[in-house]
Amino acid sequence: MGWSSIFEPFQRYGDAPRGVGVGLGLAVARGFAEAVGGTLVAEDTPGGGLTMVLAVPTAPQRGRSGGLVLSDGRR
């Protein structure tokens, strides 16, 4: 199933009780993820259900002297 529409603002899936929520949560969450260079995607879960997968980039680490250390150890 294509899950891209659930990330649209004010989108409701249909199983939520009437009057509960406005359908902004996933749109906001994906916006935050993308703002930091990440992604938020929905995937079918084997056996039923839905899994949300959040991926965000790691921050560069700083060495003891305060200099930037790359992921391969170079400074």
N, C-alpha and C. Protein backbone atom coordinates (compact mmCIF):
# COMPACT_ATOMS: atom_id res chain seq x y z
N MET A 1 0.85 -1.19 0.00
CA MET A 1 0.00 0.00 0.00
C MET A 1 0.89 1.24 0.00
N GLY A 2 0.48 2.26 -0.72
CA GLY A 2 1.22 3.52 -0.71
C GLY A 2 0.81 4.36 0.49
N TRP A 3 1.77 4.72 1.30
CA TRP A 3 1.47 5.44 2.54
C TRP A 3 1.77 6.93 2.44
N SER A 4 2.18 7.42 1.28
CA SER A 4 2.61 8.82 1.19
C SER A 4 1.51 9.81 1.57
N SER A 5 0.25 9.47 1.34
CA SER A 5 -0.84 10.42 1.63
C SER A 5 -1.03 10.67 3.12
N ILE A 6 -0.58 9.77 3.98
CA ILE A 6 -0.78 9.99 5.43
C ILE A 6 0.08 11.11 5.97
N PHE A 7 1.06 11.56 5.19
CA PHE A 7 1.92 12.65 5.63
C PHE A 7 1.40 14.01 5.20
N GLU A 8 0.29 14.06 4.48
CA GLU A 8 -0.31 15.33 4.06
C GLU A 8 -1.00 15.97 5.25
N PRO A 9 -0.89 17.31 5.40
CA PRO A 9 -1.58 17.98 6.50
C PRO A 9 -3.09 17.73 6.46
N PHE A 10 -3.66 17.54 7.63
CA PHE A 10 -5.09 17.33 7.85
C PHE A 10 -5.61 16.00 7.28
N GLN A 11 -4.70 15.09 6.98
CA GLN A 11 -5.09 13.77 6.49
C GLN A 11 -5.44 12.90 7.69
N ARG A 12 -6.59 12.25 7.62
CA ARG A 12 -7.03 11.33 8.67
C ARG A 12 -7.18 9.96 8.04
N TYR A 13 -6.75 8.92 8.70
CA TYR A 13 -6.79 7.58 8.12
C TYR A 13 -8.17 6.96 8.12
N GLY A 14 -9.04 7.37 8.99
CA GLY A 14 -10.39 6.85 8.99
C GLY A 14 -10.74 6.00 10.20
N ASP A 15 -9.74 5.49 10.91
CA ASP A 15 -10.05 4.68 12.09
C ASP A 15 -9.96 5.48 13.38
N ALA A 16 -9.66 6.77 13.26
CA ALA A 16 -9.58 7.63 14.44
C ALA A 16 -11.00 8.03 14.85
N PRO A 17 -11.27 8.08 16.15
CA PRO A 17 -12.60 8.51 16.61
C PRO A 17 -12.90 9.93 16.13
N ARG A 18 -14.14 10.17 15.79
CA ARG A 18 -14.54 11.48 15.30
C ARG A 18 -14.25 12.55 16.35
N GLY A 19 -13.66 13.65 15.91
CA GLY A 19 -13.38 14.76 16.80
C GLY A 19 -12.06 14.64 17.56
N VAL A 20 -11.30 13.58 17.30
CA VAL A 20 -10.02 13.40 17.99
C VAL A 20 -8.89 13.70 17.02
N GLY A 21 -8.12 14.74 17.30
CA GLY A 21 -6.99 15.10 16.44
C GLY A 21 -7.44 15.79 15.17
N VAL A 22 -6.47 16.43 14.52
CA VAL A 22 -6.77 17.15 13.28
C VAL A 22 -5.95 16.64 12.10
N GLY A 23 -5.09 15.67 12.31
CA GLY A 23 -4.34 15.10 11.21
C GLY A 23 -3.07 15.86 10.86
N LEU A 24 -2.45 16.47 11.84
CA LEU A 24 -1.21 17.21 11.58
C LEU A 24 0.05 16.50 12.10
N GLY A 25 -0.10 15.53 12.96
CA GLY A 25 1.06 14.92 13.62
C GLY A 25 2.12 14.38 12.68
N LEU A 26 1.74 13.56 11.70
CA LEU A 26 2.73 12.98 10.80
C LEU A 26 3.32 14.01 9.85
N ALA A 27 2.51 15.00 9.45
CA ALA A 27 3.03 16.07 8.59
C ALA A 27 4.10 16.87 9.33
N VAL A 28 3.83 17.18 10.59
CA VAL A 28 4.80 17.93 11.40
C VAL A 28 6.05 17.09 11.65
N ALA A 29 5.87 15.82 11.98
CA ALA A 29 7.01 14.94 12.25
C ALA A 29 7.91 14.81 11.02
N ARG A 30 7.30 14.63 9.84
CA ARG A 30 8.11 14.53 8.63
C ARG A 30 8.82 15.86 8.35
N GLY A 31 8.14 16.97 8.59
CA GLY A 31 8.76 18.28 8.40
C GLY A 31 9.98 18.47 9.28
N PHE A 32 9.89 18.07 10.56
CA PHE A 32 11.05 18.16 11.45
C PHE A 32 12.18 17.27 10.96
N ALA A 33 11.85 16.04 10.56
CA ALA A 33 12.87 15.12 10.07
C ALA A 33 13.59 15.71 8.86
N GLU A 34 12.84 16.24 7.91
CA GLU A 34 13.45 16.81 6.71
C GLU A 34 14.24 18.08 7.02
N ALA A 35 13.81 18.85 8.03
CA ALA A 35 14.51 20.08 8.40
C ALA A 35 15.92 19.80 8.90
N VAL A 36 16.15 18.63 9.45
CA VAL A 36 17.49 18.28 9.94
C VAL A 36 18.22 17.35 8.97
N GLY A 37 17.68 17.22 7.75
CA GLY A 37 18.34 16.41 6.74
C GLY A 37 17.99 14.93 6.80
N GLY A 38 16.92 14.59 7.49
CA GLY A 38 16.54 13.20 7.65
C GLY A 38 15.29 12.84 6.85
N THR A 39 14.76 11.66 7.14
CA THR A 39 13.56 11.18 6.48
C THR A 39 12.65 10.50 7.50
N LEU A 40 11.37 10.50 7.20
CA LEU A 40 10.39 9.73 7.96
C LEU A 40 9.51 9.04 6.94
N VAL A 41 9.52 7.71 6.94
CA VAL A 41 8.73 6.94 5.98
C VAL A 41 7.92 5.89 6.71
N ALA A 42 6.82 5.49 6.09
CA ALA A 42 5.95 4.44 6.63
C ALA A 42 6.17 3.18 5.81
N GLU A 43 6.26 2.05 6.50
CA GLU A 43 6.44 0.76 5.84
C GLU A 43 5.43 -0.23 6.41
N ASP A 44 4.94 -1.11 5.53
CA ASP A 44 4.07 -2.19 6.01
C ASP A 44 4.85 -3.09 6.94
N THR A 45 4.21 -3.52 8.01
CA THR A 45 4.81 -4.44 8.95
C THR A 45 4.35 -5.85 8.62
N PRO A 46 5.28 -6.80 8.46
CA PRO A 46 4.87 -8.18 8.19
C PRO A 46 3.89 -8.67 9.26
N GLY A 47 2.81 -9.27 8.85
CA GLY A 47 1.80 -9.74 9.79
C GLY A 47 0.73 -8.71 10.08
N GLY A 48 0.89 -7.51 9.57
CA GLY A 48 -0.11 -6.46 9.76
C GLY A 48 0.44 -5.29 10.55
N GLY A 49 -0.08 -4.15 10.29
CA GLY A 49 0.33 -2.95 10.99
C GLY A 49 1.21 -2.06 10.14
N LEU A 50 1.80 -1.08 10.79
CA LEU A 50 2.59 -0.07 10.12
C LEU A 50 3.80 0.24 10.97
N THR A 51 4.95 0.38 10.33
CA THR A 51 6.18 0.76 11.02
C THR A 51 6.63 2.11 10.48
N MET A 52 6.92 3.04 11.38
CA MET A 52 7.46 4.34 10.99
C MET A 52 8.97 4.26 11.12
N VAL A 53 9.68 4.63 10.07
CA VAL A 53 11.15 4.57 10.06
C VAL A 53 11.69 5.99 9.99
N LEU A 54 12.38 6.40 11.05
CA LEU A 54 12.99 7.72 11.14
C LEU A 54 14.49 7.56 10.97
N ALA A 55 15.06 8.30 10.03
CA ALA A 55 16.51 8.31 9.82
C ALA A 55 16.98 9.76 9.85
N VAL A 56 17.97 10.03 10.68
CA VAL A 56 18.55 11.38 10.77
C VAL A 56 20.07 11.26 10.66
N PRO A 57 20.72 12.24 10.06
CA PRO A 57 22.17 12.18 9.95
C PRO A 57 22.83 12.40 11.31
N THR A 58 23.99 11.82 11.46
CA THR A 58 24.74 12.03 12.70
C THR A 58 25.48 13.36 12.63
N ALA A 59 25.68 13.95 13.78
CA ALA A 59 26.42 15.21 13.85
C ALA A 59 27.91 14.91 13.78
N PRO A 60 28.68 15.79 13.14
CA PRO A 60 30.13 15.60 13.14
C PRO A 60 30.65 15.62 14.57
N GLN A 61 31.62 14.78 14.86
CA GLN A 61 32.21 14.75 16.20
C GLN A 61 33.40 15.69 16.26
N ARG A 62 33.64 16.21 17.43
CA ARG A 62 34.77 17.12 17.63
C ARG A 62 35.84 16.40 18.43
N GLY A 63 37.08 16.63 18.04
CA GLY A 63 38.21 16.05 18.76
C GLY A 63 38.46 16.79 20.06
N ARG A 64 39.41 16.33 20.83
CA ARG A 64 39.71 16.95 22.13
C ARG A 64 40.12 18.41 22.00
N SER A 65 40.77 18.76 20.89
CA SER A 65 41.21 20.14 20.71
C SER A 65 40.10 21.02 20.15
N GLY A 66 38.93 20.42 19.94
CA GLY A 66 37.80 21.19 19.41
C GLY A 66 37.72 21.15 17.91
N GLY A 67 38.70 20.51 17.25
CA GLY A 67 38.67 20.42 15.79
C GLY A 67 37.68 19.37 15.31
N LEU A 68 37.24 19.53 14.10
CA LEU A 68 36.28 18.61 13.51
C LEU A 68 36.94 17.29 13.20
N VAL A 69 36.28 16.18 13.54
CA VAL A 69 36.78 14.84 13.23
C VAL A 69 35.76 14.19 12.29
N LEU A 70 36.21 13.77 11.11
CA LEU A 70 35.32 13.14 10.15
C LEU A 70 35.07 11.69 10.55
N SER A 71 34.04 11.09 9.96
CA SER A 71 33.66 9.73 10.34
C SER A 71 34.76 8.71 10.03
N ASP A 72 35.66 9.02 9.10
CA ASP A 72 36.75 8.10 8.80
C ASP A 72 38.00 8.39 9.66
N GLY A 73 37.88 9.28 10.63
CA GLY A 73 38.97 9.57 11.55
C GLY A 73 39.86 10.74 11.13
N ARG A 74 39.70 11.24 9.89
CA ARG A 74 40.53 12.39 9.46
C ARG A 74 40.09 13.65 10.19
N ARG A 75 41.02 14.55 10.37
CA ARG A 75 40.71 15.84 11.02
C ARG A 75 40.68 16.95 9.99
